[in-house]
């Protein structure tokens, strides 16, 4: 798989990429990179009362 194909796949599932050039560089230099997938909750968590204490 080419670097461009990998880049398109990664960008298709990511909503935001802060530095696309850095991502492209990473994919070029490392065949199997390890990446951090972080998120920030935008509201209060809701606990479903139907879970009976199980998450």
PDB file of N, CA and C in Angstrom:
ATOM      1  N   UNK A   1       0.855  -1.178   0.000  1.00  0.00           N
ATOM      2  CA  UNK A   1       0.000   0.000   0.000  1.00  0.00           C
ATOM      3  C   UNK A   1       0.896   1.234   0.000  1.00  0.00           C
ATOM      4  N   UNK A   2       0.576   2.167  -0.841  1.00  0.00           N
ATOM      5  CA  UNK A   2       1.402   3.377  -0.946  1.00  0.00           C
ATOM      6  C   UNK A   2       1.164   4.315   0.246  1.00  0.00           C
ATOM      7  N   UNK A   3       2.082   5.234   0.424  1.00  0.00           N
ATOM      8  CA  UNK A   3       1.964   6.231   1.493  1.00  0.00           C
ATOM      9  C   UNK A   3       0.709   7.071   1.285  1.00  0.00           C
ATOM     10  N   UNK A   4       0.428   7.434   0.044  1.00  0.00           N
ATOM     11  CA  UNK A   4      -0.771   8.231  -0.242  1.00  0.00           C
ATOM     12  C   UNK A   4      -2.050   7.476   0.103  1.00  0.00           C
ATOM     13  N   UNK A   5      -2.075   6.173  -0.167  1.00  0.00           N
ATOM     14  CA  UNK A   5      -3.253   5.367   0.184  1.00  0.00           C
ATOM     15  C   UNK A   5      -3.424   5.301   1.698  1.00  0.00           C
ATOM     16  N   UNK A   6      -2.327   5.081   2.419  1.00  0.00           N
ATOM     17  CA  UNK A   6      -2.383   5.054   3.885  1.00  0.00           C
ATOM     18  C   UNK A   6      -2.887   6.392   4.421  1.00  0.00           C
ATOM     19  N   UNK A   7      -2.357   7.469   3.858  1.00  0.00           N
ATOM     20  CA  UNK A   7      -2.752   8.806   4.292  1.00  0.00           C
ATOM     21  C   UNK A   7      -4.248   9.023   4.085  1.00  0.00           C
ATOM     22  N   UNK A   8      -4.762   8.654   2.925  1.00  0.00           N
ATOM     23  CA  UNK A   8      -6.194   8.827   2.642  1.00  0.00           C
ATOM     24  C   UNK A   8      -7.055   8.009   3.600  1.00  0.00           C
ATOM     25  N   UNK A   9      -6.612   6.791   3.927  1.00  0.00           N
ATOM     26  CA  UNK A   9      -7.376   5.950   4.854  1.00  0.00           C
ATOM     27  C   UNK A   9      -7.400   6.568   6.248  1.00  0.00           C
ATOM     28  N   UNK A  10      -6.233   6.986   6.723  1.00  0.00           N
ATOM     29  CA  UNK A  10      -6.160   7.595   8.060  1.00  0.00           C
ATOM     30  C   UNK A  10      -7.027   8.845   8.126  1.00  0.00           C
ATOM     31  N   UNK A  11      -6.957   9.683   7.110  1.00  0.00           N
ATOM     32  CA  UNK A  11      -7.744  10.924   7.102  1.00  0.00           C
ATOM     33  C   UNK A  11      -9.237  10.664   6.946  1.00  0.00           C
ATOM     34  N   UNK A  12      -9.613   9.541   6.353  1.00  0.00           N
ATOM     35  CA  UNK A  12     -11.038   9.258   6.155  1.00  0.00           C
ATOM     36  C   UNK A  12     -11.745   8.910   7.463  1.00  0.00           C
ATOM     37  N   UNK A  13     -11.000   8.411   8.450  1.00  0.00           N
ATOM     38  CA  UNK A  13     -11.620   8.040   9.724  1.00  0.00           C
ATOM     39  C   UNK A  13     -11.364   9.060  10.822  1.00  0.00           C
ATOM     40  N   UNK A  14     -10.472  10.000  10.582  1.00  0.00           N
ATOM     41  CA  UNK A  14     -10.174  11.024  11.578  1.00  0.00           C
ATOM     42  C   UNK A  14     -10.921  12.306  11.281  1.00  0.00           C
ATOM     43  N   UNK A  15     -11.578  12.836  12.290  1.00  0.00           N
ATOM     44  CA  UNK A  15     -12.330  14.079  12.091  1.00  0.00           C
ATOM     45  C   UNK A  15     -11.408  15.282  11.998  1.00  0.00           C
ATOM     46  N   UNK A  16     -10.314  15.242  12.744  1.00  0.00           N
ATOM     47  CA  UNK A  16      -9.405  16.391  12.766  1.00  0.00           C
ATOM     48  C   UNK A  16      -7.968  15.890  12.735  1.00  0.00           C
ATOM     49  N   UNK A  17      -7.156  16.521  11.942  1.00  0.00           N
ATOM     50  CA  UNK A  17      -5.721  16.246  11.888  1.00  0.00           C
ATOM     51  C   UNK A  17      -5.017  17.591  12.010  1.00  0.00           C
ATOM     52  N   UNK A  18      -4.301  17.789  13.106  1.00  0.00           N
ATOM     53  CA  UNK A  18      -3.712  19.092  13.381  1.00  0.00           C
ATOM     54  C   UNK A  18      -2.588  19.422  12.402  1.00  0.00           C
ATOM     55  N   UNK A  19      -1.745  18.451  12.086  1.00  0.00           N
ATOM     56  CA  UNK A  19      -0.631  18.707  11.161  1.00  0.00           C
ATOM     57  C   UNK A  19      -0.567  17.589  10.126  1.00  0.00           C
ATOM     58  N   UNK A  20      -1.218  17.797   8.989  1.00  0.00           N
ATOM     59  CA  UNK A  20      -1.248  16.777   7.944  1.00  0.00           C
ATOM     60  C   UNK A  20       0.149  16.476   7.402  1.00  0.00           C
ATOM     61  N   UNK A  21       0.989  17.483   7.310  1.00  0.00           N
ATOM     62  CA  UNK A  21       2.351  17.265   6.813  1.00  0.00           C
ATOM     63  C   UNK A  21       3.126  16.334   7.744  1.00  0.00           C
ATOM     64  N   UNK A  22       2.926  16.488   9.051  1.00  0.00           N
ATOM     65  CA  UNK A  22       3.591  15.625  10.025  1.00  0.00           C
ATOM     66  C   UNK A  22       3.086  14.186   9.899  1.00  0.00           C
ATOM     67  N   UNK A  23       1.792  14.018   9.682  1.00  0.00           N
ATOM     68  CA  UNK A  23       1.232  12.681   9.492  1.00  0.00           C
ATOM     69  C   UNK A  23       1.811  12.037   8.237  1.00  0.00           C
ATOM     70  N   UNK A  24       1.877  12.772   7.162  1.00  0.00           N
ATOM     71  CA  UNK A  24       2.437  12.257   5.913  1.00  0.00           C
ATOM     72  C   UNK A  24       3.905  11.868   6.101  1.00  0.00           C
ATOM     73  N   UNK A  25       4.652  12.672   6.824  1.00  0.00           N
ATOM     74  CA  UNK A  25       6.054  12.382   7.121  1.00  0.00           C
ATOM     75  C   UNK A  25       6.176  11.103   7.952  1.00  0.00           C
ATOM     76  N   UNK A  26       5.315  10.942   8.947  1.00  0.00           N
ATOM     77  CA  UNK A  26       5.324   9.743   9.783  1.00  0.00           C
ATOM     78  C   UNK A  26       5.054   8.497   8.945  1.00  0.00           C
ATOM     79  N   UNK A  27       4.053   8.563   8.076  1.00  0.00           N
ATOM     80  CA  UNK A  27       3.719   7.416   7.236  1.00  0.00           C
ATOM     81  C   UNK A  27       4.836   7.099   6.245  1.00  0.00           C
ATOM     82  N   UNK A  28       5.593   8.097   5.857  1.00  0.00           N
ATOM     83  CA  UNK A  28       6.708   7.891   4.931  1.00  0.00           C
ATOM     84  C   UNK A  28       7.878   7.202   5.627  1.00  0.00           C
ATOM     85  N   UNK A  29       8.154   7.601   6.868  1.00  0.00           N
ATOM     86  CA  UNK A  29       9.336   7.104   7.576  1.00  0.00           C
ATOM     87  C   UNK A  29       9.114   5.810   8.346  1.00  0.00           C
ATOM     88  N   UNK A  30       7.882   5.550   8.778  1.00  0.00           N
ATOM     89  CA  UNK A  30       7.618   4.352   9.582  1.00  0.00           C
ATOM     90  C   UNK A  30       6.551   3.505   8.898  1.00  0.00           C
ATOM     91  N   UNK A  31       6.884   2.271   8.524  1.00  0.00           N
ATOM     92  CA  UNK A  31       5.916   1.425   7.825  1.00  0.00           C
ATOM     93  C   UNK A  31       4.694   1.070   8.679  1.00  0.00           C
ATOM     94  N   UNK A  32       4.878   0.942   9.987  1.00  0.00           N
ATOM     95  CA  UNK A  32       3.771   0.620  10.888  1.00  0.00           C
ATOM     96  C   UNK A  32       3.810   1.553  12.100  1.00  0.00           C
ATOM     97  N   UNK A  33       3.406   2.788  11.918  1.00  0.00           N
ATOM     98  CA  UNK A  33       3.489   3.754  13.026  1.00  0.00           C
ATOM     99  C   UNK A  33       2.474   3.457  14.123  1.00  0.00           C
ATOM    100  N   UNK A  34       2.802   3.900  15.309  1.00  0.00           N
ATOM    101  CA  UNK A  34       1.884   3.830  16.443  1.00  0.00           C
ATOM    102  C   UNK A  34       1.416   5.255  16.695  1.00  0.00           C
ATOM    103  N   UNK A  35       0.113   5.451  16.679  1.00  0.00           N
ATOM    104  CA  UNK A  35      -0.442   6.799  16.810  1.00  0.00           C
ATOM    105  C   UNK A  35      -1.332   6.897  18.041  1.00  0.00           C
ATOM    106  N   UNK A  36      -1.481   8.093  18.548  1.00  0.00           N
ATOM    107  CA  UNK A  36      -2.347   8.384  19.683  1.00  0.00           C
ATOM    108  C   UNK A  36      -3.688   8.859  19.162  1.00  0.00           C
ATOM    109  N   UNK A  37      -4.733   8.264  19.685  1.00  0.00           N
ATOM    110  CA  UNK A  37      -6.092   8.669  19.314  1.00  0.00           C
ATOM    111  C   UNK A  37      -6.734   9.263  20.558  1.00  0.00           C
ATOM    112  N   UNK A  38      -6.799  10.564  20.624  1.00  0.00           N
ATOM    113  CA  UNK A  38      -7.361  11.221  21.797  1.00  0.00           C
ATOM    114  C   UNK A  38      -8.709  11.828  21.497  1.00  0.00           C
ATOM    115  N   UNK A  39      -9.480  12.031  22.549  1.00  0.00           N
ATOM    116  CA  UNK A  39     -10.765  12.696  22.375  1.00  0.00           C
ATOM    117  C   UNK A  39     -11.039  13.545  23.598  1.00  0.00           C
ATOM    118  N   UNK A  40     -11.912  14.495  23.429  1.00  0.00           N
ATOM    119  CA  UNK A  40     -12.304  15.369  24.523  1.00  0.00           C
ATOM    120  C   UNK A  40     -13.820  15.367  24.604  1.00  0.00           C
ATOM    121  N   UNK A  41     -14.374  14.891  25.725  1.00  0.00           N
ATOM    122  CA  UNK A  41     -15.833  14.902  25.858  1.00  0.00           C
ATOM    123  C   UNK A  41     -16.365  16.327  25.761  1.00  0.00           C
ATOM    124  N   UNK A  42     -17.458  16.495  25.055  1.00  0.00           N
ATOM    125  CA  UNK A  42     -18.007  17.836  24.874  1.00  0.00           C
ATOM    126  C   UNK A  42     -19.209  18.111  25.771  1.00  0.00           C
ATOM    127  N   UNK A  43     -19.638  17.108  26.523  1.00  0.00           N
ATOM    128  CA  UNK A  43     -20.761  17.319  27.437  1.00  0.00           C
ATOM    129  C   UNK A  43     -20.636  16.354  28.608  1.00  0.00           C
ATOM    130  N   UNK A  44     -21.565  16.458  29.546  1.00  0.00           N
ATOM    131  CA  UNK A  44     -21.551  15.563  30.693  1.00  0.00           C
ATOM    132  C   UNK A  44     -21.884  14.141  30.247  1.00  0.00           C
ATOM    133  N   UNK A  45     -21.205  13.138  30.840  1.00  0.00           N
ATOM    134  CA  UNK A  45     -21.541  11.760  30.490  1.00  0.00           C
ATOM    135  C   UNK A  45     -22.926  11.393  31.022  1.00  0.00           C
ATOM    136  N   UNK A  46     -23.604  10.549  30.298  1.00  0.00           N
ATOM    137  CA  UNK A  46     -24.933  10.091  30.693  1.00  0.00           C
ATOM    138  C   UNK A  46     -24.851   8.600  30.967  1.00  0.00           C
ATOM    139  N   UNK A  47     -25.331   8.191  32.138  1.00  0.00           N
ATOM    140  CA  UNK A  47     -25.340   6.773  32.491  1.00  0.00           C
ATOM    141  C   UNK A  47     -26.740   6.238  32.250  1.00  0.00           C
ATOM    142  N   UNK A  48     -26.818   5.207  31.433  1.00  0.00           N
ATOM    143  CA  UNK A  48     -28.097   4.599  31.080  1.00  0.00           C
ATOM    144  C   UNK A  48     -28.617   3.803  32.282  1.00  0.00           C
ATOM    145  N   UNK A  49     -29.792   4.156  32.823  1.00  0.00           N
ATOM    146  CA  UNK A  49     -30.321   3.435  33.987  1.00  0.00           C
ATOM    147  C   UNK A  49     -30.672   1.986  33.665  1.00  0.00           C
ATOM    148  N   UNK A  50     -30.782   1.636  32.412  1.00  0.00           N
ATOM    149  CA  UNK A  50     -31.113   0.262  32.034  1.00  0.00           C
ATOM    150  C   UNK A  50     -29.905  -0.666  32.049  1.00  0.00           C
ATOM    151  N   UNK A  51     -28.738  -0.149  32.374  1.00  0.00           N
ATOM    152  CA  UNK A  51     -27.522  -0.964  32.396  1.00  0.00           C
ATOM    153  C   UNK A  51     -27.419  -1.799  33.677  1.00  0.00           C
ATOM    154  N   UNK A  52     -28.213  -1.514  34.677  1.00  0.00           N
ATOM    155  CA  UNK A  52     -28.201  -2.250  35.947  1.00  0.00           C
ATOM    156  C   UNK A  52     -26.821  -2.276  36.600  1.00  0.00           C
ATOM    157  N   UNK A  53     -26.110  -1.177  36.515  1.00  0.00           N
ATOM    158  CA  UNK A  53     -24.810  -1.083  37.166  1.00  0.00           C
ATOM    159  C   UNK A  53     -23.659  -1.612  36.343  1.00  0.00           C
ATOM    160  N   UNK A  54     -23.923  -2.148  35.177  1.00  0.00           N
ATOM    161  CA  UNK A  54     -22.862  -2.677  34.321  1.00  0.00           C
ATOM    162  C   UNK A  54     -22.532  -1.671  33.235  1.00  0.00           C
ATOM    163  N   UNK A  55     -21.250  -1.502  33.002  1.00  0.00           N
ATOM    164  CA  UNK A  55     -20.819  -0.558  31.972  1.00  0.00           C
ATOM    165  C   UNK A  55     -20.156  -1.289  30.845  1.00  0.00           C
TER     166      UNK A  55
END
